Amino acid sequence: MFQQVLREVVDNTDGGVASLLMGFDGIPVDQYLRDGTDVDIESVGMEYSVILRSVMHAAEMLESGKAKEFAVRAERLLTIVRLLNDDYFVAVALSPGGNVGKARFLLRTRSPKLLADLE
């Protein structure tokens, strides 16, 4: 059920390598890795879930509204995270030259499907 959406985001994004649906408690719901990928997307999600809580808190403290999206660009991996609700987020990992715009679009347009399946 989640696997189809996660696969679609990775396979339809140039440079997409992995995707993950995870709770803020650090427990993964589902993940997808492109064949030949050695990214430990579960560990990426667990580590970023801690940072996400801080970002969400900072957005509230600054009265800028709820955080919706978060991105981390590192030397070997670009990770885009979309917050689904107060309990879950979806993330996609891209190679450094990956198509960020397409990944963001797919996360935004596929998030309602993930939310519906979570309920």
C-alpha atoms as a PDB file:
ATOM      1  CA  MET A   1       0.000   0.000   0.000  1.00  0.00           C
ATOM      2  CA  PHE A   2       2.704   2.550   0.967  1.00  0.00           C
ATOM      3  CA  GLN A   3       5.347   0.792  -1.127  1.00  0.00           C
ATOM      4  CA  GLN A   4       3.693   1.844  -4.407  1.00  0.00           C
ATOM      5  CA  VAL A   5       3.816   5.551  -3.528  1.00  0.00           C
ATOM      6  CA  LEU A   6       7.370   5.369  -2.173  1.00  0.00           C
ATOM      7  CA  ARG A   7       8.521   3.553  -5.311  1.00  0.00           C
ATOM      8  CA  GLU A   8       6.766   6.060  -7.555  1.00  0.00           C
ATOM      9  CA  VAL A   9       8.534   9.015  -5.917  1.00  0.00           C
ATOM     10  CA  VAL A  10      11.996   7.449  -6.273  1.00  0.00           C
ATOM     11  CA  ASP A  11      11.568   5.933  -9.728  1.00  0.00           C
ATOM     12  CA  ASN A  12      10.033   9.097 -11.227  1.00  0.00           C
ATOM     13  CA  THR A  13      12.707  11.448  -9.872  1.00  0.00           C
ATOM     14  CA  ASP A  14      16.045  11.756 -11.651  1.00  0.00           C
ATOM     15  CA  GLY A  15      18.669  10.901  -9.051  1.00  0.00           C
ATOM     16  CA  GLY A  16      16.157   9.335  -6.635  1.00  0.00           C
ATOM     17  CA  VAL A  17      17.746   6.550  -4.590  1.00  0.00           C
ATOM     18  CA  ALA A  18      15.444   5.790  -1.627  1.00  0.00           C
ATOM     19  CA  SER A  19      12.268   6.830   0.154  1.00  0.00           C
ATOM     20  CA  LEU A  20      10.841   6.271   3.583  1.00  0.00           C
ATOM     21  CA  LEU A  21       7.614   6.660   5.531  1.00  0.00           C
ATOM     22  CA  MET A  22       8.375   6.970   9.232  1.00  0.00           C
ATOM     23  CA  GLY A  23       6.843   8.038  12.509  1.00  0.00           C
ATOM     24  CA  PHE A  24       8.416  10.784  14.583  1.00  0.00           C
ATOM     25  CA  ASP A  25       9.079   8.062  17.149  1.00  0.00           C
ATOM     26  CA  GLY A  26      11.753   6.754  14.747  1.00  0.00           C
ATOM     27  CA  ILE A  27       9.846   3.605  13.797  1.00  0.00           C
ATOM     28  CA  PRO A  28       9.729   3.059  10.024  1.00  0.00           C
ATOM     29  CA  VAL A  29       6.380   2.231   8.451  1.00  0.00           C
ATOM     30  CA  ASP A  30       7.728   1.355   4.990  1.00  0.00           C
ATOM     31  CA  GLN A  31      10.665   2.103   2.712  1.00  0.00           C
ATOM     32  CA  TYR A  32      11.799   1.674  -0.865  1.00  0.00           C
ATOM     33  CA  LEU A  33      15.357   1.503  -2.209  1.00  0.00           C
ATOM     34  CA  ARG A  34      16.267   1.610  -5.881  1.00  0.00           C
ATOM     35  CA  ASP A  35      18.183  -1.528  -6.915  1.00  0.00           C
ATOM     36  CA  GLY A  36      21.887  -1.213  -6.221  1.00  0.00           C
ATOM     37  CA  THR A  37      21.424   1.477  -3.574  1.00  0.00           C
ATOM     38  CA  ASP A  38      23.504   1.255  -0.423  1.00  0.00           C
ATOM     39  CA  VAL A  39      21.831   4.136   1.460  1.00  0.00           C
ATOM     40  CA  ASP A  40      20.649   3.187   4.941  1.00  0.00           C
ATOM     41  CA  ILE A  41      17.433   5.185   4.625  1.00  0.00           C
ATOM     42  CA  GLU A  42      16.146   3.893   7.943  1.00  0.00           C
ATOM     43  CA  SER A  43      19.104   5.402   9.819  1.00  0.00           C
ATOM     44  CA  VAL A  44      18.752   8.629   7.842  1.00  0.00           C
ATOM     45  CA  GLY A  45      15.110   8.844   8.891  1.00  0.00           C
ATOM     46  CA  MET A  46      15.809   8.060  12.543  1.00  0.00           C
ATOM     47  CA  GLU A  47      18.524  10.715  12.791  1.00  0.00           C
ATOM     48  CA  TYR A  48      16.498  13.373  10.982  1.00  0.00           C
ATOM     49  CA  SER A  49      13.371  12.660  13.041  1.00  0.00           C
ATOM     50  CA  VAL A  50      15.170  14.191  16.030  1.00  0.00           C
ATOM     51  CA  ILE A  51      16.051  17.302  14.018  1.00  0.00           C
ATOM     52  CA  LEU A  52      12.525  17.513  12.617  1.00  0.00           C
ATOM     53  CA  ARG A  53      11.056  17.836  16.078  1.00  0.00           C
ATOM     54  CA  SER A  54      13.385  20.773  16.737  1.00  0.00           C
ATOM     55  CA  VAL A  55      12.457  22.423  13.429  1.00  0.00           C
ATOM     56  CA  MET A  56       8.752  21.996  14.171  1.00  0.00           C
ATOM     57  CA  HIS A  57       9.225  23.517  17.611  1.00  0.00           C
ATOM     58  CA  ALA A  58      11.253  26.437  16.228  1.00  0.00           C
ATOM     59  CA  ALA A  59       8.585  27.207  13.606  1.00  0.00           C
ATOM     60  CA  GLU A  60       5.939  27.317  16.325  1.00  0.00           C
ATOM     61  CA  MET A  61       8.075  29.505  18.599  1.00  0.00           C
ATOM     62  CA  LEU A  62       8.674  31.945  15.741  1.00  0.00           C
ATOM     63  CA  GLU A  63       4.928  31.970  15.017  1.00  0.00           C
ATOM     64  CA  SER A  64       5.650  31.178  11.380  1.00  0.00           C
ATOM     65  CA  GLY A  65       3.078  28.380  11.225  1.00  0.00           C
ATOM     66  CA  LYS A  66       3.516  24.637  11.042  1.00  0.00           C
ATOM     67  CA  ALA A  67       6.623  23.345   9.297  1.00  0.00           C
ATOM     68  CA  LYS A  68       5.809  21.505   6.052  1.00  0.00           C
ATOM     69  CA  GLU A  69       9.105  20.589   4.448  1.00  0.00           C
ATOM     70  CA  PHE A  70      12.726  20.152   5.381  1.00  0.00           C
ATOM     71  CA  ALA A  71      15.820  19.524   3.226  1.00  0.00           C
ATOM     72  CA  VAL A  72      19.398  18.605   4.014  1.00  0.00           C
ATOM     73  CA  ARG A  73      22.041  18.835   1.299  1.00  0.00           C
ATOM     74  CA  ALA A  74      25.187  16.900   2.151  1.00  0.00           C
ATOM     75  CA  GLU A  75      28.149  16.039  -0.070  1.00  0.00           C
ATOM     76  CA  ARG A  76      26.844  12.618  -1.092  1.00  0.00           C
ATOM     77  CA  LEU A  77      23.134  12.756  -0.334  1.00  0.00           C
ATOM     78  CA  LEU A  78      20.279  15.218  -0.575  1.00  0.00           C
ATOM     79  CA  THR A  79      17.315  14.398   1.645  1.00  0.00           C
ATOM     80  CA  ILE A  80      13.915  16.051   1.328  1.00  0.00           C
ATOM     81  CA  VAL A  81      11.396  15.466   4.094  1.00  0.00           C
ATOM     82  CA  ARG A  82       7.695  16.302   3.933  1.00  0.00           C
ATOM     83  CA  LEU A  83       5.750  16.324   7.178  1.00  0.00           C
ATOM     84  CA  LEU A  84       2.430  14.506   6.814  1.00  0.00           C
ATOM     85  CA  ASN A  85       0.911  15.213  10.225  1.00  0.00           C
ATOM     86  CA  ASP A  86       1.990  15.388  13.875  1.00  0.00           C
ATOM     87  CA  ASP A  87       2.983  11.707  13.849  1.00  0.00           C
ATOM     88  CA  TYR A  88       4.462  10.851  10.415  1.00  0.00           C
ATOM     89  CA  PHE A  89       6.752  12.124   7.697  1.00  0.00           C
ATOM     90  CA  VAL A  90       7.866  10.937   4.274  1.00  0.00           C
ATOM     91  CA  ALA A  91      11.407  11.394   2.976  1.00  0.00           C
ATOM     92  CA  VAL A  92      13.199  10.907  -0.309  1.00  0.00           C
ATOM     93  CA  ALA A  93      16.962  10.660  -0.730  1.00  0.00           C
ATOM     94  CA  LEU A  94      18.587  11.867  -3.943  1.00  0.00           C
ATOM     95  CA  SER A  95      22.054  11.790  -5.385  1.00  0.00           C
ATOM     96  CA  PRO A  96      23.694  15.258  -5.287  1.00  0.00           C
ATOM     97  CA  GLY A  97      22.609  16.108  -8.854  1.00  0.00           C
ATOM     98  CA  GLY A  98      19.063  14.803  -8.395  1.00  0.00           C
ATOM     99  CA  ASN A  99      15.968  16.681  -9.522  1.00  0.00           C
ATOM    100  CA  VAL A 100      14.896  18.475  -6.340  1.00  0.00           C
ATOM    101  CA  GLY A 101      11.877  20.158  -7.912  1.00  0.00           C
ATOM    102  CA  LYS A 102      10.426  16.888  -9.164  1.00  0.00           C
ATOM    103  CA  ALA A 103      11.024  15.180  -5.811  1.00  0.00           C
ATOM    104  CA  ARG A 104       9.286  18.016  -3.954  1.00  0.00           C
ATOM    105  CA  PHE A 105       6.372  17.949  -6.395  1.00  0.00           C
ATOM    106  CA  LEU A 106       5.922  14.195  -6.073  1.00  0.00           C
ATOM    107  CA  LEU A 107       6.115  14.309  -2.272  1.00  0.00           C
ATOM    108  CA  ARG A 108       3.538  17.112  -2.164  1.00  0.00           C
ATOM    109  CA  THR A 109       1.102  15.473  -4.576  1.00  0.00           C
ATOM    110  CA  ARG A 110       1.446  11.934  -3.160  1.00  0.00           C
ATOM    111  CA  SER A 111       1.216  12.916   0.517  1.00  0.00           C
ATOM    112  CA  PRO A 112      -2.617  12.849   0.586  1.00  0.00           C
ATOM    113  CA  LYS A 113      -2.547   9.203  -0.557  1.00  0.00           C
ATOM    114  CA  LEU A 114      -0.122   8.277   2.213  1.00  0.00           C
ATOM    115  CA  LEU A 115      -2.214  10.110   4.791  1.00  0.00           C
ATOM    116  CA  ALA A 116      -5.383   8.370   3.638  1.00  0.00           C
ATOM    117  CA  ASP A 117      -3.676   4.970   3.901  1.00  0.00           C
ATOM    118  CA  LEU A 118      -2.394   5.777   7.404  1.00  0.00           C
ATOM    119  CA  GLU A 119      -5.911   6.397   8.698  1.00  0.00           C
END
